[in-house]
Amino acid sequence: MLAIGNNKKAVMEAEKALEIDPLSIPINTSVAETYAHCGMFEQAKEQFLKTLELDHNFRSALNGLGWTYYFLGEHDLAIERLKQSQDSSGDALKSSAALGYIYAKLGMNSELEHCLEKLEERKKKEKDISFLFDYAIINMGMKNYNKAFEYLDLAYNEKIGGLIFIRGRYWKELQDDPRFKKLILRMNLPYD
């Protein structure tokens, strides 16, 4: 539902799944991510916090909460949660894109450079993983929209599945650009 922009139905389906299995950590996280995707950040925050009560080191929930805090204007908490996510994974190279985006937005250039270095290091170590989204996110944070769209076009050409969720709040600042509409239509998704 999220991929085709039917946010209302996506929320209803996520909440229904949670009713069926309220102790599932992945479902709890999915509900919170759905709220965040739809721009319902207060609900997302509450749901991520509930998820972390079930498992305080669940990396997806920590990442989602970090993003949510950023969009709520709670930048210090956003950075703290994303760093906690790195600690919980035992890999300081994880979550670099989200941190890089936030550092770029906050003008924290030395921290941003450090994230870019970490991303390059991770790219060398994990050759089978695509980091196109990571680079697109960081470039979006830097307001380097041309470069962000270059990476998104490469993701399209490489058929990276996560691209279908580009309608979400995380990518909002690109959505008024004509290249965004073109990308949505290339994926044969409806554009309203």
N, C-alpha and C. Protein backbone atom coordinates (compact mmCIF):
# COMPACT_ATOMS: atom_id res chain seq x y z
N MET A 1 0.81 -1.20 0.00
CA MET A 1 0.00 0.00 0.00
C MET A 1 0.86 1.27 0.00
N LEU A 2 1.94 1.24 0.77
CA LEU A 2 2.80 2.43 0.82
C LEU A 2 3.41 2.73 -0.55
N ALA A 3 3.76 1.69 -1.27
CA ALA A 3 4.41 1.88 -2.57
C ALA A 3 3.51 2.60 -3.56
N ILE A 4 2.19 2.39 -3.44
CA ILE A 4 1.28 3.05 -4.37
C ILE A 4 0.65 4.30 -3.78
N GLY A 5 1.09 4.68 -2.60
CA GLY A 5 0.64 5.93 -1.99
C GLY A 5 -0.67 5.83 -1.23
N ASN A 6 -1.13 4.62 -0.94
CA ASN A 6 -2.37 4.47 -0.17
C ASN A 6 -2.01 4.36 1.31
N ASN A 7 -1.63 5.50 1.88
CA ASN A 7 -1.14 5.53 3.26
C ASN A 7 -2.20 5.12 4.27
N LYS A 8 -3.44 5.54 4.05
CA LYS A 8 -4.51 5.22 4.99
C LYS A 8 -4.68 3.71 5.12
N LYS A 9 -4.71 3.03 4.00
CA LYS A 9 -4.87 1.57 4.03
C LYS A 9 -3.62 0.90 4.61
N ALA A 10 -2.45 1.45 4.32
CA ALA A 10 -1.21 0.89 4.86
C ALA A 10 -1.23 0.94 6.39
N VAL A 11 -1.68 2.07 6.94
CA VAL A 11 -1.78 2.20 8.40
C VAL A 11 -2.77 1.21 8.96
N MET A 12 -3.93 1.08 8.32
CA MET A 12 -4.95 0.14 8.79
C MET A 12 -4.42 -1.29 8.79
N GLU A 13 -3.72 -1.67 7.72
CA GLU A 13 -3.20 -3.04 7.63
C GLU A 13 -2.11 -3.29 8.67
N ALA A 14 -1.24 -2.30 8.89
CA ALA A 14 -0.18 -2.45 9.88
C ALA A 14 -0.78 -2.60 11.28
N GLU A 15 -1.78 -1.77 11.59
CA GLU A 15 -2.42 -1.84 12.90
C GLU A 15 -3.16 -3.17 13.09
N LYS A 16 -3.75 -3.68 12.02
CA LYS A 16 -4.44 -4.98 12.08
C LYS A 16 -3.43 -6.09 12.40
N ALA A 17 -2.27 -6.05 11.76
CA ALA A 17 -1.22 -7.04 12.03
C ALA A 17 -0.80 -6.97 13.50
N LEU A 18 -0.72 -5.76 14.03
CA LEU A 18 -0.32 -5.59 15.43
C LEU A 18 -1.38 -6.15 16.38
N GLU A 19 -2.65 -6.00 16.02
CA GLU A 19 -3.73 -6.59 16.83
C GLU A 19 -3.59 -8.11 16.88
N ILE A 20 -3.21 -8.70 15.75
CA ILE A 20 -3.08 -10.16 15.66
C ILE A 20 -1.89 -10.65 16.47
N ASP A 21 -0.78 -9.92 16.42
CA ASP A 21 0.44 -10.36 17.11
C ASP A 21 1.11 -9.17 17.80
N PRO A 22 0.57 -8.73 18.95
CA PRO A 22 1.07 -7.52 19.60
C PRO A 22 2.48 -7.64 20.20
N LEU A 23 3.01 -8.84 20.32
CA LEU A 23 4.35 -8.99 20.91
C LEU A 23 5.44 -9.21 19.85
N SER A 24 5.06 -9.21 18.59
CA SER A 24 6.04 -9.37 17.53
C SER A 24 6.86 -8.09 17.39
N ILE A 25 8.14 -8.21 17.59
CA ILE A 25 9.02 -7.03 17.49
C ILE A 25 9.06 -6.51 16.05
N PRO A 26 9.19 -7.37 15.04
CA PRO A 26 9.17 -6.85 13.67
C PRO A 26 7.85 -6.17 13.30
N ILE A 27 6.72 -6.71 13.76
CA ILE A 27 5.44 -6.08 13.46
C ILE A 27 5.33 -4.74 14.18
N ASN A 28 5.73 -4.69 15.44
CA ASN A 28 5.72 -3.42 16.18
C ASN A 28 6.56 -2.37 15.44
N THR A 29 7.73 -2.79 14.96
CA THR A 29 8.60 -1.87 14.23
C THR A 29 7.96 -1.45 12.92
N SER A 30 7.35 -2.40 12.23
CA SER A 30 6.70 -2.10 10.96
C SER A 30 5.57 -1.07 11.12
N VAL A 31 4.81 -1.20 12.19
CA VAL A 31 3.74 -0.22 12.45
C VAL A 31 4.35 1.17 12.65
N ALA A 32 5.39 1.24 13.45
CA ALA A 32 6.06 2.53 13.69
C ALA A 32 6.63 3.09 12.39
N GLU A 33 7.24 2.24 11.59
CA GLU A 33 7.80 2.70 10.31
C GLU A 33 6.70 3.18 9.36
N THR A 34 5.57 2.52 9.39
CA THR A 34 4.43 2.94 8.56
C THR A 34 3.96 4.33 9.00
N TYR A 35 3.83 4.53 10.31
CA TYR A 35 3.46 5.85 10.80
C TYR A 35 4.47 6.92 10.33
N ALA A 36 5.75 6.62 10.48
CA ALA A 36 6.78 7.58 10.08
C ALA A 36 6.72 7.85 8.59
N HIS A 37 6.57 6.79 7.81
CA HIS A 37 6.48 6.92 6.36
C HIS A 37 5.35 7.88 5.98
N CYS A 38 4.27 7.82 6.75
CA CYS A 38 3.09 8.65 6.48
C CYS A 38 3.16 10.03 7.13
N GLY A 39 4.28 10.33 7.80
CA GLY A 39 4.44 11.62 8.44
C GLY A 39 3.74 11.73 9.78
N MET A 40 3.34 10.62 10.36
CA MET A 40 2.66 10.59 11.66
C MET A 40 3.73 10.38 12.73
N PHE A 41 4.56 11.39 12.95
CA PHE A 41 5.78 11.20 13.73
C PHE A 41 5.54 11.03 15.23
N GLU A 42 4.53 11.65 15.79
CA GLU A 42 4.26 11.43 17.21
C GLU A 42 3.83 9.99 17.45
N GLN A 43 2.95 9.47 16.58
CA GLN A 43 2.54 8.08 16.70
C GLN A 43 3.72 7.14 16.47
N ALA A 44 4.56 7.50 15.50
CA ALA A 44 5.74 6.68 15.21
C ALA A 44 6.66 6.62 16.43
N LYS A 45 6.90 7.78 17.03
CA LYS A 45 7.77 7.83 18.22
C LYS A 45 7.23 6.92 19.31
N GLU A 46 5.94 7.06 19.60
CA GLU A 46 5.31 6.25 20.65
C GLU A 46 5.45 4.76 20.34
N GLN A 47 5.24 4.39 19.07
CA GLN A 47 5.30 2.98 18.70
C GLN A 47 6.74 2.46 18.72
N PHE A 48 7.70 3.27 18.26
CA PHE A 48 9.10 2.84 18.35
C PHE A 48 9.51 2.63 19.81
N LEU A 49 9.07 3.53 20.68
CA LEU A 49 9.41 3.39 22.10
C LEU A 49 8.79 2.12 22.69
N LYS A 50 7.55 1.79 22.29
CA LYS A 50 6.92 0.54 22.74
C LYS A 50 7.72 -0.66 22.24
N THR A 51 8.17 -0.58 21.00
CA THR A 51 8.96 -1.67 20.42
C THR A 51 10.24 -1.87 21.21
N LEU A 52 10.88 -0.76 21.56
CA LEU A 52 12.14 -0.84 22.30
C LEU A 52 11.95 -1.32 23.73
N GLU A 53 10.73 -1.24 24.25
CA GLU A 53 10.44 -1.86 25.54
C GLU A 53 10.52 -3.38 25.43
N LEU A 54 10.18 -3.91 24.25
CA LEU A 54 10.25 -5.35 24.02
C LEU A 54 11.68 -5.81 23.80
N ASP A 55 12.47 -4.97 23.13
CA ASP A 55 13.89 -5.27 22.89
C ASP A 55 14.61 -3.93 22.72
N HIS A 56 15.32 -3.51 23.77
CA HIS A 56 15.91 -2.17 23.78
C HIS A 56 17.08 -2.01 22.79
N ASN A 57 17.52 -3.10 22.16
CA ASN A 57 18.61 -3.01 21.19
C ASN A 57 18.18 -3.38 19.78
N PHE A 58 16.87 -3.39 19.51
CA PHE A 58 16.41 -3.77 18.17
C PHE A 58 16.79 -2.67 17.18
N ARG A 59 17.73 -3.00 16.33
CA ARG A 59 18.38 -2.01 15.49
C ARG A 59 17.42 -1.23 14.58
N SER A 60 16.47 -1.92 13.95
CA SER A 60 15.52 -1.23 13.07
C SER A 60 14.70 -0.20 13.83
N ALA A 61 14.31 -0.55 15.05
CA ALA A 61 13.54 0.40 15.85
C ALA A 61 14.40 1.59 16.27
N LEU A 62 15.65 1.33 16.62
CA LEU A 62 16.56 2.44 16.98
C LEU A 62 16.77 3.37 15.79
N ASN A 63 16.97 2.80 14.61
CA ASN A 63 17.14 3.63 13.41
C ASN A 63 15.89 4.45 13.13
N GLY A 64 14.74 3.77 13.17
CA GLY A 64 13.49 4.47 12.91
C GLY A 64 13.23 5.57 13.93
N LEU A 65 13.54 5.29 15.18
CA LEU A 65 13.36 6.31 16.22
C LEU A 65 14.31 7.48 15.99
N GLY A 66 15.52 7.18 15.55
CA GLY A 66 16.47 8.25 15.24
C GLY A 66 15.92 9.18 14.17
N TRP A 67 15.44 8.59 13.08
CA TRP A 67 14.84 9.40 12.01
C TRP A 67 13.64 10.18 12.53
N THR A 68 12.81 9.52 13.31
CA THR A 68 11.59 10.16 13.84
C THR A 68 11.95 11.35 14.72
N TYR A 69 12.91 11.17 15.59
CA TYR A 69 13.34 12.30 16.42
C TYR A 69 13.84 13.45 15.55
N TYR A 70 14.57 13.13 14.49
CA TYR A 70 15.04 14.20 13.61
C TYR A 70 13.86 15.00 13.05
N PHE A 71 12.86 14.29 12.52
CA PHE A 71 11.73 14.99 11.90
C PHE A 71 10.86 15.71 12.93
N LEU A 72 10.96 15.31 14.19
CA LEU A 72 10.27 16.04 15.26
C LEU A 72 11.10 17.21 15.79
N GLY A 73 12.29 17.40 15.23
CA GLY A 73 13.14 18.51 15.65
C GLY A 73 13.98 18.22 16.87
N GLU A 74 14.02 16.98 17.30
CA GLU A 74 14.79 16.58 18.48
C GLU A 74 16.13 15.99 18.01
N HIS A 75 16.99 16.87 17.52
CA HIS A 75 18.20 16.46 16.81
C HIS A 75 19.20 15.71 17.69
N ASP A 76 19.37 16.16 18.92
CA ASP A 76 20.32 15.47 19.80
C ASP A 76 19.87 14.03 20.07
N LEU A 77 18.57 13.85 20.30
CA LEU A 77 18.04 12.50 20.53
C LEU A 77 18.16 11.65 19.26
N ALA A 78 17.98 12.27 18.10
CA ALA A 78 18.12 11.55 16.84
C ALA A 78 19.52 10.98 16.71
N ILE A 79 20.50 11.82 16.93
CA ILE A 79 21.90 11.38 16.82
C ILE A 79 22.21 10.31 17.87
N GLU A 80 21.70 10.52 19.07
CA GLU A 80 21.94 9.56 20.16
C GLU A 80 21.38 8.18 19.81
N ARG A 81 20.15 8.12 19.28
CA ARG A 81 19.54 6.84 18.93
C ARG A 81 20.28 6.16 17.78
N LEU A 82 20.71 6.94 16.80
CA LEU A 82 21.44 6.35 15.67
C LEU A 82 22.80 5.82 16.11
N LYS A 83 23.45 6.52 17.02
CA LYS A 83 24.71 6.01 17.56
C LYS A 83 24.47 4.75 18.39
N GLN A 84 23.35 4.73 19.12
CA GLN A 84 23.00 3.54 19.89
C GLN A 84 22.77 2.36 18.95
N SER A 85 22.19 2.63 17.79
CA SER A 85 21.98 1.59 16.79
C SER A 85 23.32 1.01 16.33
N GLN A 86 24.29 1.89 16.12
CA GLN A 86 25.62 1.42 15.74
C GLN A 86 26.21 0.55 16.85
N ASP A 87 26.08 0.99 18.08
CA ASP A 87 26.61 0.24 19.22
C ASP A 87 25.93 -1.13 19.34
N SER A 88 24.59 -1.14 19.15
CA SER A 88 23.85 -2.40 19.32
C SER A 88 24.22 -3.41 18.25
N SER A 89 24.60 -2.92 17.07
CA SER A 89 24.97 -3.84 15.99
C SER A 89 26.43 -4.28 16.13
N GLY A 90 27.18 -3.56 16.96
CA GLY A 90 28.60 -3.87 17.10
C GLY A 90 29.39 -3.46 15.87
N ASP A 91 28.78 -2.61 15.03
CA ASP A 91 29.43 -2.20 13.79
C ASP A 91 29.30 -0.69 13.65
N ALA A 92 30.39 0.01 13.87
CA ALA A 92 30.38 1.48 13.80
C ALA A 92 30.16 1.99 12.39
N LEU A 93 30.16 1.09 11.41
CA LEU A 93 29.94 1.52 10.02
C LEU A 93 28.46 1.57 9.66
N LYS A 94 27.61 0.96 10.47
CA LYS A 94 26.16 0.96 10.19
C LYS A 94 25.57 2.33 10.56
N SER A 95 24.42 2.62 9.99
CA SER A 95 23.67 3.87 10.24
C SER A 95 24.40 5.12 9.79
N SER A 96 25.42 4.98 8.98
CA SER A 96 26.18 6.15 8.54
C SER A 96 25.37 7.07 7.64
N ALA A 97 24.47 6.51 6.83
CA ALA A 97 23.69 7.35 5.93
C ALA A 97 22.75 8.27 6.71
N ALA A 98 22.03 7.71 7.68
CA ALA A 98 21.11 8.52 8.47
C ALA A 98 21.86 9.59 9.24
N LEU A 99 22.95 9.20 9.87
CA LEU A 99 23.76 10.19 10.59
C LEU A 99 24.33 11.23 9.63
N GLY A 100 24.80 10.78 8.47
CA GLY A 100 25.34 11.72 7.48
C GLY A 100 24.30 12.73 7.03
N TYR A 101 23.09 12.26 6.80
CA TYR A 101 21.99 13.15 6.41
C TYR A 101 21.78 14.21 7.49
N ILE A 102 21.66 13.75 8.73
CA ILE A 102 21.39 14.68 9.84
C ILE A 102 22.55 15.65 10.03
N TYR A 103 23.77 15.15 9.99
CA TYR A 103 24.93 16.04 10.13
C TYR A 103 24.95 17.08 9.01
N ALA A 104 24.62 16.67 7.79
CA ALA A 104 24.58 17.62 6.67
C ALA A 104 23.53 18.69 6.93
N LYS A 105 22.35 18.27 7.37
CA LYS A 105 21.27 19.22 7.63
C LYS A 105 21.63 20.20 8.75
N LEU A 106 22.40 19.72 9.72
CA LEU A 106 22.75 20.56 10.87
C LEU A 106 24.05 21.33 10.65
N GLY A 107 24.67 21.16 9.48
CA GLY A 107 25.92 21.86 9.19
C GLY A 107 27.11 21.35 9.98
N MET A 108 27.04 20.10 10.42
CA MET A 108 28.12 19.48 11.20
C MET A 108 29.08 18.79 10.21
N ASN A 109 29.88 19.60 9.53
CA ASN A 109 30.64 19.12 8.38
C ASN A 109 31.72 18.09 8.71
N SER A 110 32.41 18.24 9.83
CA SER A 110 33.44 17.25 10.15
C SER A 110 32.81 15.90 10.46
N GLU A 111 31.65 15.88 11.13
CA GLU A 111 30.94 14.64 11.41
C GLU A 111 30.42 14.03 10.11
N LEU A 112 29.94 14.89 9.21
CA LEU A 112 29.47 14.43 7.90
C LEU A 112 30.60 13.75 7.14
N GLU A 113 31.78 14.37 7.12
CA GLU A 113 32.93 13.77 6.43
C GLU A 113 33.28 12.41 7.03
N HIS A 114 33.17 12.32 8.34
CA HIS A 114 33.45 11.05 9.01
C HIS A 114 32.46 9.97 8.56
N CYS A 115 31.20 10.34 8.42
CA CYS A 115 30.18 9.39 7.94
C CYS A 115 30.47 8.94 6.52
N LEU A 116 30.88 9.87 5.68
CA LEU A 116 31.22 9.52 4.30
C LEU A 116 32.41 8.56 4.26
N GLU A 117 33.38 8.80 5.13
CA GLU A 117 34.54 7.89 5.21
C GLU A 117 34.09 6.50 5.65
N LYS A 118 33.19 6.44 6.65
CA LYS A 118 32.68 5.16 7.13
C LYS A 118 31.92 4.43 6.02
N LEU A 119 31.16 5.18 5.26
CA LEU A 119 30.39 4.58 4.17
C LEU A 119 31.33 4.01 3.11
N GLU A 120 32.37 4.73 2.79
CA GLU A 120 33.36 4.23 1.83
C GLU A 120 34.03 2.96 2.35
N GLU A 121 34.34 2.96 3.63
CA GLU A 121 34.96 1.79 4.25
C GLU A 121 34.02 0.59 4.20
N ARG A 122 32.75 0.83 4.50
CA ARG A 122 31.77 -0.26 4.47
C ARG A 122 31.59 -0.78 3.05
N LYS A 123 31.59 0.14 2.09
CA LYS A 123 31.45 -0.25 0.68
C LYS A 123 32.58 -1.18 0.25
N LYS A 124 33.79 -0.92 0.74
CA LYS A 124 34.94 -1.77 0.41
C LYS A 124 34.82 -3.14 1.07
N LYS A 125 34.29 -3.17 2.29
CA LYS A 125 34.18 -4.43 3.04
C LYS A 125 33.03 -5.30 2.54
N GLU A 126 31.92 -4.67 2.20
CA GLU A 126 30.71 -5.41 1.83
C GLU A 126 30.40 -5.19 0.36
N LYS A 127 31.18 -5.84 -0.48
CA LYS A 127 31.11 -5.62 -1.92
C LYS A 127 29.80 -6.08 -2.56
N ASP A 128 29.08 -6.98 -1.90
CA ASP A 128 27.84 -7.51 -2.46
C ASP A 128 26.61 -6.67 -2.12
N ILE A 129 26.80 -5.59 -1.39
CA ILE A 129 25.68 -4.76 -0.96
C ILE A 129 25.70 -3.45 -1.75
N SER A 130 24.52 -3.00 -2.14
CA SER A 130 24.41 -1.71 -2.82
C SER A 130 24.25 -0.61 -1.77
N PHE A 131 25.02 0.44 -1.94
CA PHE A 131 24.94 1.59 -1.03
C PHE A 131 24.41 2.83 -1.75
N LEU A 132 23.70 2.60 -2.86
CA LEU A 132 23.18 3.72 -3.65
C LEU A 132 22.21 4.57 -2.84
N PHE A 133 21.32 3.94 -2.06
CA PHE A 133 20.39 4.70 -1.22
C PHE A 133 21.14 5.53 -0.19
N ASP A 134 22.18 4.93 0.39
CA ASP A 134 22.96 5.63 1.42
C ASP A 134 23.53 6.93 0.83
N TYR A 135 24.11 6.82 -0.35
CA TYR A 135 24.68 8.00 -0.99
C TYR A 135 23.60 9.00 -1.41
N ALA A 136 22.46 8.48 -1.86
CA ALA A 136 21.36 9.37 -2.22
C ALA A 136 20.87 10.14 -0.99
N ILE A 137 20.74 9.44 0.13
CA ILE A 137 20.26 10.07 1.37
C ILE A 137 21.22 11.17 1.84
N ILE A 138 22.49 10.84 1.85
CA ILE A 138 23.47 11.84 2.31
C ILE A 138 23.50 13.04 1.37
N ASN A 139 23.45 12.79 0.06
CA ASN A 139 23.44 13.91 -0.88
C ASN A 139 22.17 14.74 -0.76
N MET A 140 21.06 14.09 -0.45
CA MET A 140 19.83 14.83 -0.21
C MET A 140 20.01 15.74 1.01
N GLY A 141 20.63 15.21 2.06
CA GLY A 141 20.89 16.01 3.25
C GLY A 141 21.78 17.20 2.96
N MET A 142 22.70 17.02 2.02
CA MET A 142 23.61 18.09 1.62
C MET A 142 22.97 19.06 0.62
N LYS A 143 21.72 18.78 0.26
CA LYS A 143 20.98 19.55 -0.76
C LYS A 143 21.64 19.46 -2.13
N ASN A 144 22.37 18.38 -2.32
CA ASN A 144 22.97 18.10 -3.62
C ASN A 144 21.99 17.19 -4.36
N TYR A 145 20.87 17.79 -4.79
CA TYR A 145 19.77 17.01 -5.35
C TYR A 145 20.12 16.36 -6.68
N ASN A 146 20.96 17.00 -7.48
CA ASN A 146 21.37 16.38 -8.74
C ASN A 146 22.06 15.05 -8.48
N LYS A 147 22.96 15.05 -7.52
CA LYS A 147 23.69 13.83 -7.18
C LYS A 147 22.75 12.80 -6.56
N ALA A 148 21.83 13.26 -5.72
CA ALA A 148 20.86 12.34 -5.11
C ALA A 148 20.06 11.63 -6.20
N PHE A 149 19.60 12.38 -7.20
CA PHE A 149 18.85 11.76 -8.29
C PHE A 149 19.73 10.85 -9.14
N GLU A 150 20.99 11.16 -9.28
CA GLU A 150 21.91 10.26 -10.00
C GLU A 150 21.93 8.90 -9.30
N TYR A 151 22.07 8.92 -7.98
CA TYR A 151 22.10 7.66 -7.23
C TYR A 151 20.76 6.93 -7.30
N LEU A 152 19.65 7.67 -7.27
CA LEU A 152 18.34 7.03 -7.37
C LEU A 152 18.14 6.42 -8.75
N ASP A 153 18.62 7.10 -9.78
CA ASP A 153 18.54 6.53 -11.14
C ASP A 153 19.37 5.25 -11.24
N LEU A 154 20.54 5.25 -10.63
CA LEU A 154 21.36 4.03 -10.60
C LEU A 154 20.63 2.92 -9.85
N ALA A 155 19.97 3.28 -8.75
CA ALA A 155 19.20 2.28 -7.99
C ALA A 155 18.09 1.70 -8.85
N TYR A 156 17.45 2.56 -9.63
CA TYR A 156 16.41 2.09 -10.56
C TYR A 156 17.02 1.13 -11.58
N ASN A 157 18.13 1.51 -12.16
CA ASN A 157 18.77 0.68 -13.18
C ASN A 157 19.24 -0.66 -12.61
N GLU A 158 19.62 -0.67 -11.34
CA GLU A 158 20.05 -1.91 -10.69
C GLU A 158 18.88 -2.67 -10.08
N LYS A 159 17.67 -2.13 -10.25
CA LYS A 159 16.45 -2.77 -9.74
C LYS A 159 16.49 -3.01 -8.22
N ILE A 160 16.91 -1.99 -7.49
CA ILE A 160 16.94 -2.06 -6.03
C ILE A 160 15.50 -1.93 -5.53
N GLY A 161 14.99 -2.99 -4.89
CA GLY A 161 13.58 -3.07 -4.52
C GLY A 161 13.08 -1.97 -3.60
N GLY A 162 13.90 -1.52 -2.69
CA GLY A 162 13.47 -0.50 -1.73
C GLY A 162 13.06 0.81 -2.37
N LEU A 163 13.39 0.97 -3.62
CA LEU A 163 13.07 2.21 -4.33
C LEU A 163 11.56 2.46 -4.40
N ILE A 164 10.77 1.40 -4.35
CA ILE A 164 9.32 1.58 -4.45
C ILE A 164 8.74 2.33 -3.25
N PHE A 165 9.51 2.47 -2.18
CA PHE A 165 9.02 3.18 -0.99
C PHE A 165 9.46 4.64 -0.94
N ILE A 166 9.84 5.17 -2.07
CA ILE A 166 10.39 6.53 -2.13
C ILE A 166 9.32 7.61 -1.89
N ARG A 167 8.07 7.23 -1.85
CA ARG A 167 7.01 8.21 -1.61
C ARG A 167 6.96 8.68 -0.16
N GLY A 168 7.67 8.03 0.72
CA GLY A 168 7.57 8.31 2.14
C GLY A 168 8.14 9.64 2.56
N ARG A 169 7.89 9.99 3.80
CA ARG A 169 8.30 11.27 4.36
C ARG A 169 9.80 11.48 4.31
N TYR A 170 10.57 10.40 4.38
CA TYR A 170 12.02 10.54 4.38
C TYR A 170 12.53 11.21 3.10
N TRP A 171 11.80 11.04 2.02
CA TRP A 171 12.22 11.57 0.72
C TRP A 171 11.41 12.80 0.32
N LYS A 172 10.68 13.37 1.23
CA LYS A 172 9.75 14.46 0.94
C LYS A 172 10.39 15.63 0.21
N GLU A 173 11.61 15.99 0.56
CA GLU A 173 12.21 17.18 -0.05
C GLU A 173 12.52 17.01 -1.53
N LEU A 174 12.48 15.78 -2.03
CA LEU A 174 12.70 15.55 -3.46
C LEU A 174 11.40 15.48 -4.24
N GLN A 175 10.29 15.36 -3.56
CA GLN A 175 9.03 15.01 -4.24
C GLN A 175 8.43 16.12 -5.09
N ASP A 176 8.87 17.35 -4.96
CA ASP A 176 8.37 18.42 -5.83
C ASP A 176 9.22 18.58 -7.09
N ASP A 177 10.32 17.89 -7.14
CA ASP A 177 11.21 17.95 -8.30
C ASP A 177 10.61 17.12 -9.43
N PRO A 178 10.58 17.65 -10.66
CA PRO A 178 10.01 16.89 -11.79
C PRO A 178 10.69 15.54 -12.01
N ARG A 179 11.94 15.41 -11.61
CA ARG A 179 12.64 14.13 -11.75
C ARG A 179 12.04 13.06 -10.85
N PHE A 180 11.44 13.49 -9.75
CA PHE A 180 10.78 12.54 -8.85
C PHE A 180 9.58 11.90 -9.55
N LYS A 181 8.74 12.73 -10.15
CA LYS A 181 7.57 12.22 -10.87
C LYS A 181 8.02 11.27 -11.98
N LYS A 182 9.05 11.65 -12.68
CA LYS A 182 9.55 10.82 -13.78
C LYS A 182 10.00 9.45 -13.25
N LEU A 183 10.66 9.45 -12.09
CA LEU A 183 11.13 8.20 -11.49
C LEU A 183 9.95 7.32 -11.08
N ILE A 184 8.94 7.92 -10.47
CA ILE A 184 7.74 7.17 -10.06
C ILE A 184 7.08 6.53 -11.29
N LEU A 185 6.94 7.30 -12.35
CA LEU A 185 6.29 6.79 -13.55
C LEU A 185 7.13 5.72 -14.23
N ARG A 186 8.45 5.84 -14.18
CA ARG A 186 9.33 4.80 -14.75
C ARG A 186 9.12 3.47 -14.03
N MET A 187 8.78 3.53 -12.74
CA MET A 187 8.53 2.31 -11.97
C MET A 187 7.11 1.80 -12.15
N ASN A 188 6.32 2.47 -13.01
CA ASN A 188 4.93 2.12 -13.27
C ASN A 188 4.07 2.19 -12.01
N LEU A 189 4.40 3.15 -11.14
CA LEU A 189 3.58 3.40 -9.96
C LEU A 189 2.68 4.59 -10.22
N PRO A 190 1.51 4.62 -9.61
CA PRO A 190 0.62 5.78 -9.81
C PRO A 190 1.23 7.04 -9.22
N TYR A 191 0.97 8.15 -9.88
CA TYR A 191 1.45 9.44 -9.39
C TYR A 191 0.24 10.35 -9.29
N ASP A 192 -0.04 10.88 -8.07
CA ASP A 192 -1.21 11.75 -7.94
C ASP A 192 -0.83 13.18 -7.98
